[in-house]
C-alpha atoms as a PDB file:
ATOM      1  CA  MET A   1    -105.356  27.348-116.909  1.00  0.00           C
ATOM      2  CA  LYS A   2    -106.027  29.581-119.934  1.00  0.00           C
ATOM      3  CA  ASN A   3    -105.853  26.944-122.683  1.00  0.00           C
ATOM      4  CA  ALA A   4    -107.837  24.230-120.947  1.00  0.00           C
ATOM      5  CA  VAL A   5    -111.148  22.558-121.585  1.00  0.00           C
ATOM      6  CA  GLN A   6    -113.310  20.894-118.975  1.00  0.00           C
ATOM      7  CA  MET A   7    -115.460  18.039-120.245  1.00  0.00           C
ATOM      8  CA  THR A   8    -118.115  16.292-118.196  1.00  0.00           C
ATOM      9  CA  TYR A   9    -118.815  12.623-118.886  1.00  0.00           C
ATOM     10  CA  ASN A  10    -120.392   9.779-116.938  1.00  0.00           C
ATOM     11  CA  GLY A  11    -120.693  11.982-113.889  1.00  0.00           C
ATOM     12  CA  GLY A  12    -116.987  12.887-113.876  1.00  0.00           C
ATOM     13  CA  MET A  13    -115.039  15.877-115.094  1.00  0.00           C
ATOM     14  CA  GLU A  14    -111.684  16.045-116.823  1.00  0.00           C
ATOM     15  CA  THR A  15    -109.533  19.077-117.602  1.00  0.00           C
ATOM     16  CA  ILE A  16    -107.520  18.839-120.799  1.00  0.00           C
ATOM     17  CA  ASP A  17    -104.567  21.160-121.428  1.00  0.00           C
ATOM     18  CA  MET A  18    -105.023  22.138-125.067  1.00  0.00           C
ATOM     19  CA  THR A  19    -101.622  23.813-125.496  1.00  0.00           C
ATOM     20  CA  LYS A  20     -99.909  20.420-125.602  1.00  0.00           C
ATOM     21  CA  SER A  21    -102.488  18.828-127.893  1.00  0.00           C
ATOM     22  CA  LEU A  22    -102.500  21.565-130.499  1.00  0.00           C
ATOM     23  CA  LYS A  23     -98.703  21.695-130.813  1.00  0.00           C
ATOM     24  CA  THR A  24     -98.295  18.042-131.758  1.00  0.00           C
ATOM     25  CA  GLU A  25    -100.514  17.042-134.687  1.00  0.00           C
ATOM     26  CA  ARG A  26    -103.137  18.573-136.939  1.00  0.00           C
ATOM     27  CA  ILE A  27    -106.391  16.884-137.981  1.00  0.00           C
ATOM     28  CA  GLU A  28    -108.777  18.358-140.522  1.00  0.00           C
ATOM     29  CA  ALA A  29    -112.332  17.380-141.337  1.00  0.00           C
ATOM     30  CA  ARG A  30    -114.912  18.588-143.825  1.00  0.00           C
ATOM     31  CA  VAL A  31    -118.407  18.986-142.421  1.00  0.00           C
ATOM     32  CA  GLU A  32    -121.746  20.182-143.707  1.00  0.00           C
ATOM     33  CA  PRO A  33    -122.690  23.747-142.739  1.00  0.00           C
ATOM     34  CA  ASP A  34    -125.410  22.628-140.312  1.00  0.00           C
ATOM     35  CA  VAL A  35    -122.940  20.337-138.511  1.00  0.00           C
ATOM     36  CA  ARG A  36    -120.428  23.181-138.303  1.00  0.00           C
ATOM     37  CA  GLU A  37    -123.060  25.469-136.773  1.00  0.00           C
ATOM     38  CA  LEU A  38    -124.048  22.774-134.282  1.00  0.00           C
ATOM     39  CA  ILE A  39    -120.432  22.292-133.205  1.00  0.00           C
ATOM     40  CA  MET A  40    -119.818  26.034-132.970  1.00  0.00           C
ATOM     41  CA  GLU A  41    -122.898  26.509-130.796  1.00  0.00           C
ATOM     42  CA  ALA A  42    -121.921  23.640-128.496  1.00  0.00           C
ATOM     43  CA  ALA A  43    -118.347  24.925-128.195  1.00  0.00           C
ATOM     44  CA  ASP A  44    -119.659  28.373-127.332  1.00  0.00           C
ATOM     45  CA  LEU A  45    -121.903  26.919-124.616  1.00  0.00           C
ATOM     46  CA  GLU A  46    -118.888  25.061-123.189  1.00  0.00           C
ATOM     47  CA  GLY A  47    -116.879  28.285-123.235  1.00  0.00           C
ATOM     48  CA  CYS A  48    -114.130  27.006-125.492  1.00  0.00           C
ATOM     49  CA  SER A  49    -112.964  27.235-129.077  1.00  0.00           C
ATOM     50  CA  VAL A  50    -114.241  24.898-131.770  1.00  0.00           C
ATOM     51  CA  SER A  51    -110.826  23.204-131.911  1.00  0.00           C
ATOM     52  CA  GLU A  52    -110.777  22.658-128.154  1.00  0.00           C
ATOM     53  CA  PHE A  53    -114.321  21.309-128.236  1.00  0.00           C
ATOM     54  CA  LEU A  54    -113.582  18.935-131.112  1.00  0.00           C
ATOM     55  CA  VAL A  55    -110.390  17.595-129.547  1.00  0.00           C
ATOM     56  CA  ALA A  56    -112.038  17.002-126.173  1.00  0.00           C
ATOM     57  CA  SER A  57    -115.111  15.402-127.775  1.00  0.00           C
ATOM     58  CA  ALA A  58    -113.070  13.184-130.089  1.00  0.00           C
ATOM     59  CA  LYS A  59    -110.807  12.112-127.214  1.00  0.00           C
ATOM     60  CA  GLU A  60    -113.799  11.176-125.061  1.00  0.00           C
ATOM     61  CA  ARG A  61    -115.389   9.193-127.906  1.00  0.00           C
ATOM     62  CA  ALA A  62    -112.102   7.429-128.723  1.00  0.00           C
ATOM     63  CA  GLU A  63    -111.602   6.424-125.093  1.00  0.00           C
ATOM     64  CA  LYS A  64    -115.153   5.035-124.893  1.00  0.00           C
ATOM     65  CA  THR A  65    -114.678   3.110-128.137  1.00  0.00           C
ATOM     66  CA  LEU A  66    -111.378   1.612-127.000  1.00  0.00           C
ATOM     67  CA  HIS A  67    -112.780   0.762-123.575  1.00  0.00           C
ATOM     68  CA  ARG A  68    -115.758  -0.977-125.177  1.00  0.00           C
ATOM     69  CA  THR A  69    -113.477  -3.160-127.314  1.00  0.00           C
ATOM     70  CA  ARG A  70    -110.880  -3.872-124.606  1.00  0.00           C
ATOM     71  CA  VAL A  71    -113.118  -4.761-121.669  1.00  0.00           C
ATOM     72  CA  ILE A  72    -114.617  -8.225-121.610  1.00  0.00           C
ATOM     73  CA  ARG A  73    -118.055  -8.402-120.050  1.00  0.00           C
ATOM     74  CA  LEU A  74    -119.240 -11.755-118.743  1.00  0.00           C
ATOM     75  CA  THR A  75    -122.585 -12.954-117.514  1.00  0.00           C
ATOM     76  CA  GLU A  76    -122.740 -14.020-113.873  1.00  0.00           C
ATOM     77  CA  GLU A  77    -122.685 -17.653-114.986  1.00  0.00           C
ATOM     78  CA  SER A  78    -119.609 -17.062-117.162  1.00  0.00           C
ATOM     79  CA  GLN A  79    -117.855 -15.220-114.320  1.00  0.00           C
ATOM     80  CA  ILE A  80    -118.393 -18.185-112.017  1.00  0.00           C
ATOM     81  CA  ARG A  81    -117.190 -20.654-114.669  1.00  0.00           C
ATOM     82  CA  PHE A  82    -114.107 -18.501-115.367  1.00  0.00           C
ATOM     83  CA  ALA A  83    -113.240 -18.308-111.654  1.00  0.00           C
ATOM     84  CA  GLU A  84    -113.708 -22.062-111.246  1.00  0.00           C
ATOM     85  CA  LEU A  85    -111.353 -22.762-114.161  1.00  0.00           C
ATOM     86  CA  ILE A  86    -108.716 -20.387-112.771  1.00  0.00           C
ATOM     87  CA  LEU A  87    -108.925 -21.890-109.286  1.00  0.00           C
ATOM     88  CA  ASN A  88    -109.240 -25.506-110.467  1.00  0.00           C
ATOM     89  CA  PRO A  89    -107.786 -25.789-113.974  1.00  0.00           C
ATOM     90  CA  PRO A  90    -108.327 -29.008-115.913  1.00  0.00           C
ATOM     91  CA  PRO A  91    -105.304 -31.280-116.422  1.00  0.00           C
ATOM     92  CA  PRO A  92    -103.196 -30.341-119.463  1.00  0.00           C
ATOM     93  CA  ASN A  93    -104.266 -31.990-122.709  1.00  0.00           C
ATOM     94  CA  LYS A  94    -101.852 -33.609-125.177  1.00  0.00           C
ATOM     95  CA  ALA A  95    -101.165 -30.352-127.087  1.00  0.00           C
ATOM     96  CA  MET A  96    -100.366 -28.514-123.854  1.00  0.00           C
ATOM     97  CA  GLN A  97     -98.030 -31.286-122.721  1.00  0.00           C
ATOM     98  CA  GLU A  98     -96.224 -31.166-126.077  1.00  0.00           C
ATOM     99  CA  ALA A  99     -95.918 -27.383-125.876  1.00  0.00           C
ATOM    100  CA  LYS A 100     -94.484 -27.672-122.358  1.00  0.00           C
ATOM    101  CA  ALA A 101     -91.916 -30.216-123.533  1.00  0.00           C
ATOM    102  CA  ILE A 102     -90.852 -27.967-126.427  1.00  0.00           C
ATOM    103  CA  HIS A 103     -90.641 -24.988-124.082  1.00  0.00           C
ATOM    104  CA  GLU A 104     -88.443 -26.937-121.694  1.00  0.00           C
ATOM    105  CA  GLN A 105     -86.151 -28.020-124.569  1.00  0.00           C
ATOM    106  CA  LEU A 106     -85.831 -24.612-126.203  1.00  0.00           C
ATOM    107  CA  ILE A 107     -86.055 -22.178-123.314  1.00  0.00           C
ATOM    108  CA  LEU A 108     -85.209 -23.878-120.058  1.00  0.00           C
ATOM    109  CA  SER A 109     -82.241 -25.914-121.349  1.00  0.00           C
ATOM    110  CA  SER A 110     -80.383 -22.893-122.779  1.00  0.00           C
END
């Protein structure tokens, strides 16, 4: 694949087809000269263009950021408590009973 970039992360490797990415949207960024040189050197070592390197790097960072905010990590104690509540939920409180009654009136009766 001529317009592809391979990125290694967390022990895995992903190939990204850059022809699709570059045809959709354009992103520009201003960087200091030393940052530009750093990026150019890294892209050269990866064997890809600066654009390909930036897209692949930004995509990897975005995925990590989203994963970090979307995945809930629980302590062992919290995992056990969560499982217990799922398997043996407490009886519904007054607010839950009222919500159920409203649901039955509005949704189930129609």
